[in-house]
Amino acid sequence: MGDPEKAFSEKERMSAEIIRDGPATPTLPVLPTVNPEIEKREVPASNLHPAFYVITWITLSSSVILFNKWILDTAKFHYRMFTFKRCLLLS
């Protein structure tokens, strides 16, 4: 910490190591600064539009509802609690 020439990471406090120009006033606190020399990393952009995820969610949810309707009415599956637990397990 005592070496002012050492390379700092982006989040490391370095206010004590920087020599500041101007009058030093003991009444004002010295706030930590972020190292401006560190390059910001780019967050990789998603290739899919968020609307794709919403449409996929709606489609899958609707298909589960229609499957439940089919299995309870058309297929005469009378174990509703099993169907309910399966839906909770899938979501």
C-alpha atoms as a PDB file:
ATOM      1  CA  MET A   1       0.000   0.000   0.000  1.00  0.00           C
ATOM      2  CA  GLY A   2       2.903   2.349   0.550  1.00  0.00           C
ATOM      3  CA  ASP A   3       4.112   2.332  -3.072  1.00  0.00           C
ATOM      4  CA  PRO A   4       2.310   5.106  -5.053  1.00  0.00           C
ATOM      5  CA  GLU A   5       3.540   3.684  -8.369  1.00  0.00           C
ATOM      6  CA  LYS A   6       1.792   0.314  -7.942  1.00  0.00           C
ATOM      7  CA  ALA A   7      -0.992  -0.601 -10.341  1.00  0.00           C
ATOM      8  CA  PHE A   8      -4.445  -0.417  -8.774  1.00  0.00           C
ATOM      9  CA  SER A   9      -7.504  -2.406  -9.628  1.00  0.00           C
ATOM     10  CA  GLU A  10     -10.690  -0.583 -10.555  1.00  0.00           C
ATOM     11  CA  LYS A  11     -12.360  -0.914  -7.147  1.00  0.00           C
ATOM     12  CA  GLU A  12      -9.311  -0.364  -4.954  1.00  0.00           C
ATOM     13  CA  ARG A  13      -9.193   2.773  -2.843  1.00  0.00           C
ATOM     14  CA  MET A  14      -6.319   5.001  -3.789  1.00  0.00           C
ATOM     15  CA  SER A  15      -7.123   8.382  -2.285  1.00  0.00           C
ATOM     16  CA  ALA A  16      -4.322   8.156   0.260  1.00  0.00           C
ATOM     17  CA  GLU A  17      -1.726   7.366  -2.394  1.00  0.00           C
ATOM     18  CA  ILE A  18      -2.505  10.267  -4.744  1.00  0.00           C
ATOM     19  CA  ILE A  19      -0.702  13.537  -4.263  1.00  0.00           C
ATOM     20  CA  ARG A  20      -3.291  16.258  -4.754  1.00  0.00           C
ATOM     21  CA  ASP A  21      -2.645  19.781  -5.946  1.00  0.00           C
ATOM     22  CA  GLY A  22      -4.045  22.697  -4.001  1.00  0.00           C
ATOM     23  CA  PRO A  23      -4.340  23.538  -0.348  1.00  0.00           C
ATOM     24  CA  ALA A  24      -4.948  20.668   2.020  1.00  0.00           C
ATOM     25  CA  THR A  25      -7.747  21.455   4.420  1.00  0.00           C
ATOM     26  CA  PRO A  26      -8.074  19.121   7.388  1.00  0.00           C
ATOM     27  CA  THR A  27     -11.772  19.941   7.790  1.00  0.00           C
ATOM     28  CA  LEU A  28     -12.805  18.400   4.450  1.00  0.00           C
ATOM     29  CA  PRO A  29     -12.696  14.611   4.195  1.00  0.00           C
ATOM     30  CA  VAL A  30     -10.763  12.985   1.387  1.00  0.00           C
ATOM     31  CA  LEU A  31     -13.068  10.695  -0.565  1.00  0.00           C
ATOM     32  CA  PRO A  32     -11.824   7.564  -2.316  1.00  0.00           C
ATOM     33  CA  THR A  33     -11.574   7.748  -6.086  1.00  0.00           C
ATOM     34  CA  VAL A  34     -11.835   5.120  -8.793  1.00  0.00           C
ATOM     35  CA  ASN A  35      -8.767   4.500 -10.906  1.00  0.00           C
ATOM     36  CA  PRO A  36      -9.562   6.164 -14.275  1.00  0.00           C
ATOM     37  CA  GLU A  37      -6.731   4.324 -16.043  1.00  0.00           C
ATOM     38  CA  ILE A  38      -8.452   0.940 -15.802  1.00  0.00           C
ATOM     39  CA  GLU A  39     -10.447   0.062 -18.902  1.00  0.00           C
ATOM     40  CA  LYS A  40     -14.070  -0.898 -18.338  1.00  0.00           C
ATOM     41  CA  ARG A  41     -14.939  -4.403 -19.444  1.00  0.00           C
ATOM     42  CA  GLU A  42     -17.716  -4.700 -21.982  1.00  0.00           C
ATOM     43  CA  VAL A  43     -20.696  -6.781 -20.947  1.00  0.00           C
ATOM     44  CA  PRO A  44     -21.415  -9.295 -23.704  1.00  0.00           C
ATOM     45  CA  ALA A  45     -24.656  -8.390 -25.419  1.00  0.00           C
ATOM     46  CA  SER A  46     -27.352 -11.013 -25.767  1.00  0.00           C
ATOM     47  CA  ASN A  47     -28.092 -12.080 -29.316  1.00  0.00           C
ATOM     48  CA  LEU A  48     -31.796 -12.544 -28.616  1.00  0.00           C
ATOM     49  CA  HIS A  49     -34.289  -9.749 -28.175  1.00  0.00           C
ATOM     50  CA  PRO A  50     -36.109  -9.728 -24.791  1.00  0.00           C
ATOM     51  CA  ALA A  51     -39.429 -10.062 -26.618  1.00  0.00           C
ATOM     52  CA  PHE A  52     -38.296 -13.530 -27.730  1.00  0.00           C
ATOM     53  CA  TYR A  53     -38.094 -14.642 -24.089  1.00  0.00           C
ATOM     54  CA  VAL A  54     -41.535 -13.201 -23.312  1.00  0.00           C
ATOM     55  CA  ILE A  55     -43.145 -14.868 -26.340  1.00  0.00           C
ATOM     56  CA  THR A  56     -41.435 -18.167 -25.512  1.00  0.00           C
ATOM     57  CA  TRP A  57     -42.663 -18.000 -21.912  1.00  0.00           C
ATOM     58  CA  ILE A  58     -46.246 -17.260 -23.007  1.00  0.00           C
ATOM     59  CA  THR A  59     -46.165 -20.069 -25.576  1.00  0.00           C
ATOM     60  CA  LEU A  60     -44.812 -22.656 -23.143  1.00  0.00           C
ATOM     61  CA  SER A  61     -47.226 -21.589 -20.413  1.00  0.00           C
ATOM     62  CA  SER A  62     -50.168 -21.788 -22.791  1.00  0.00           C
ATOM     63  CA  SER A  63     -49.077 -25.210 -24.007  1.00  0.00           C
ATOM     64  CA  VAL A  64     -48.983 -26.511 -20.420  1.00  0.00           C
ATOM     65  CA  ILE A  65     -52.487 -25.142 -19.816  1.00  0.00           C
ATOM     66  CA  LEU A  66     -53.826 -26.755 -22.998  1.00  0.00           C
ATOM     67  CA  PHE A  67     -52.084 -30.039 -22.189  1.00  0.00           C
ATOM     68  CA  ASN A  68     -53.660 -30.023 -18.730  1.00  0.00           C
ATOM     69  CA  LYS A  69     -57.077 -29.369 -20.284  1.00  0.00           C
ATOM     70  CA  TRP A  70     -56.570 -32.261 -22.677  1.00  0.00           C
ATOM     71  CA  ILE A  71     -55.286 -34.684 -20.045  1.00  0.00           C
ATOM     72  CA  LEU A  72     -58.094 -33.909 -17.574  1.00  0.00           C
ATOM     73  CA  ASP A  73     -61.043 -33.816 -19.994  1.00  0.00           C
ATOM     74  CA  THR A  74     -60.240 -35.760 -23.139  1.00  0.00           C
ATOM     75  CA  ALA A  75     -57.935 -38.424 -21.708  1.00  0.00           C
ATOM     76  CA  LYS A  76     -60.115 -38.792 -18.569  1.00  0.00           C
ATOM     77  CA  PHE A  77     -57.122 -38.564 -16.209  1.00  0.00           C
ATOM     78  CA  HIS A  78     -58.772 -38.114 -12.798  1.00  0.00           C
ATOM     79  CA  TYR A  79     -55.691 -37.420 -10.654  1.00  0.00           C
ATOM     80  CA  ARG A  80     -55.745 -33.639 -10.529  1.00  0.00           C
ATOM     81  CA  MET A  81     -53.270 -33.398  -7.637  1.00  0.00           C
ATOM     82  CA  PHE A  82     -50.627 -35.207  -9.698  1.00  0.00           C
ATOM     83  CA  THR A  83     -51.187 -32.748 -12.558  1.00  0.00           C
ATOM     84  CA  PHE A  84     -50.937 -29.791 -10.180  1.00  0.00           C
ATOM     85  CA  LYS A  85     -47.681 -31.085  -8.660  1.00  0.00           C
ATOM     86  CA  ARG A  86     -46.235 -31.671 -12.124  1.00  0.00           C
ATOM     87  CA  CYS A  87     -46.969 -28.053 -13.061  1.00  0.00           C
ATOM     88  CA  LEU A  88     -45.266 -26.814  -9.896  1.00  0.00           C
ATOM     89  CA  LEU A  89     -42.275 -29.014 -10.603  1.00  0.00           C
ATOM     90  CA  LEU A  90     -41.939 -27.687 -14.169  1.00  0.00           C
ATOM     91  CA  SER A  91     -42.190 -24.020 -13.242  1.00  0.00           C
END
